């Protein structure tokens, strides 16, 4: 069994967004007061829980977009992720044009 890497747990919060504002097209957008929060803590293996939007529908394994984005970011800086516990509390609705996929990517 893997040993957990020690680091202080932290939380990442990312707002919903809307784009296509008037003549700004995809160049202007607004952050909205809907937030996804991802708690990150050490673990001995990958653990993902999801509350709120997407619970029961989004993957809770290595196919999860937040996790895949984190893996890619780690690879870009030449490292790998330690085993993590990701606790997602999602308020951004899926498939409503409010940037839920973008929020997941940024959180990762």
Protein backbone atom coordinates (compact mmCIF):
# COMPACT_ATOMS: atom_id res chain seq x y z
CA UNK A 1 0.00 0.00 0.00
CA UNK A 2 1.28 3.49 -0.86
CA UNK A 3 2.25 5.95 1.85
CA UNK A 4 0.53 9.34 1.92
CA UNK A 5 2.69 12.35 1.10
CA UNK A 6 2.46 14.97 3.85
CA UNK A 7 1.17 18.41 2.91
CA UNK A 8 -1.33 20.77 4.43
CA UNK A 9 -4.85 20.30 3.07
CA UNK A 10 -6.14 23.22 1.04
CA UNK A 11 -9.24 24.28 -0.89
CA UNK A 12 -9.50 25.69 -4.40
CA UNK A 13 -12.57 27.79 -5.26
CA UNK A 14 -13.49 28.63 -8.86
CA UNK A 15 -16.46 30.78 -9.99
CA UNK A 16 -18.95 30.15 -12.76
CA UNK A 17 -18.51 32.35 -15.81
CA UNK A 18 -20.51 33.57 -18.72
CA UNK A 19 -19.15 34.74 -22.05
CA UNK A 20 -20.53 36.07 -25.31
CA UNK A 21 -21.44 39.43 -23.79
CA UNK A 22 -22.87 41.71 -26.45
CA UNK A 23 -20.27 42.92 -28.95
CA UNK A 24 -17.46 41.30 -26.90
CA UNK A 25 -18.29 37.81 -28.24
CA UNK A 26 -15.83 35.37 -26.64
CA UNK A 27 -13.52 38.18 -25.49
CA UNK A 28 -15.68 39.53 -22.65
CA UNK A 29 -17.12 37.52 -19.80
CA UNK A 30 -18.24 37.77 -16.20
CA UNK A 31 -17.48 35.75 -13.11
CA UNK A 32 -20.74 34.81 -11.39
CA UNK A 33 -21.48 34.16 -7.73
CA UNK A 34 -21.73 30.38 -8.19
CA UNK A 35 -18.67 28.47 -7.03
CA UNK A 36 -17.14 25.02 -7.23
CA UNK A 37 -14.89 24.18 -4.27
CA UNK A 38 -12.29 21.42 -4.32
CA UNK A 39 -10.73 20.29 -1.06
CA UNK A 40 -7.34 18.66 -1.56
CA UNK A 41 -5.69 16.51 1.09
CA UNK A 42 -3.08 13.75 1.27
CA UNK A 43 -4.19 10.15 0.87
CA UNK A 44 -2.74 6.71 0.25
CA UNK A 45 -4.65 6.38 -3.05
CA UNK A 46 -6.80 8.51 -5.35
CA UNK A 47 -10.12 9.30 -3.66
CA UNK A 48 -12.73 11.58 -5.25
CA UNK A 49 -16.08 12.58 -3.80
CA UNK A 50 -18.60 14.91 -5.44
CA UNK A 51 -21.48 16.76 -3.77
CA UNK A 52 -23.98 18.98 -5.57
CA UNK A 53 -23.97 19.42 -9.33
CA UNK A 54 -22.76 16.32 -11.15
CA UNK A 55 -22.88 14.01 -8.12
CA UNK A 56 -23.69 10.55 -9.40
CA UNK A 57 -22.87 11.55 -12.98
CA UNK A 58 -19.28 12.80 -13.03
CA UNK A 59 -16.48 10.21 -12.81
CA UNK A 60 -14.90 9.65 -9.40
CA UNK A 61 -11.78 8.00 -10.79
CA UNK A 62 -8.77 9.02 -12.88
CA UNK A 63 -11.13 10.12 -15.69
CA UNK A 64 -12.38 13.07 -13.60
CA UNK A 65 -11.62 16.38 -15.35
CA UNK A 66 -10.28 18.11 -12.21
CA UNK A 67 -7.89 15.22 -11.62
CA UNK A 68 -6.85 14.94 -15.29
CA UNK A 69 -6.11 18.69 -15.35
CA UNK A 70 -4.00 18.41 -12.21
CA UNK A 71 -2.07 15.47 -13.68
CA UNK A 72 -1.39 17.44 -16.84
CA UNK A 73 -0.26 20.51 -14.90
CA UNK A 74 2.10 18.35 -12.84
CA UNK A 75 3.50 16.78 -16.00
CA UNK A 76 4.06 20.22 -17.54
CA UNK A 77 6.28 21.21 -14.62
CA UNK A 78 8.12 17.90 -14.66
CA UNK A 79 6.63 16.13 -11.67
CA UNK A 80 3.88 13.68 -10.73
CA UNK A 81 1.03 14.00 -8.27
CA UNK A 82 1.12 12.23 -4.94
CA UNK A 83 -1.97 10.22 -3.99
CA UNK A 84 -4.77 12.73 -3.32
CA UNK A 85 -8.21 12.98 -1.81
CA UNK A 86 -10.35 15.44 -3.80
CA UNK A 87 -13.61 16.55 -2.18
CA UNK A 88 -15.66 18.48 -4.73
CA UNK A 89 -18.62 20.64 -3.76
CA UNK A 90 -20.12 21.83 -7.02
CA UNK A 91 -22.65 24.64 -7.42
CA UNK A 92 -22.03 25.38 -11.11
CA UNK A 93 -24.72 23.66 -13.22
CA UNK A 94 -23.53 21.29 -15.92
CA UNK A 95 -24.33 21.93 -19.61
CA UNK A 96 -25.85 25.37 -18.98
CA UNK A 97 -23.16 27.58 -20.49
CA UNK A 98 -21.79 28.69 -17.12
CA UNK A 99 -18.32 27.23 -17.53
CA UNK A 100 -18.49 24.07 -15.41
CA UNK A 101 -15.84 22.38 -17.58
CA UNK A 102 -13.63 25.47 -17.51
CA UNK A 103 -14.00 25.66 -13.72
CA UNK A 104 -12.98 22.00 -13.40
CA UNK A 105 -9.94 22.57 -15.63
CA UNK A 106 -8.86 25.67 -13.69
CA UNK A 107 -9.35 23.92 -10.35
CA UNK A 108 -7.12 21.09 -11.56
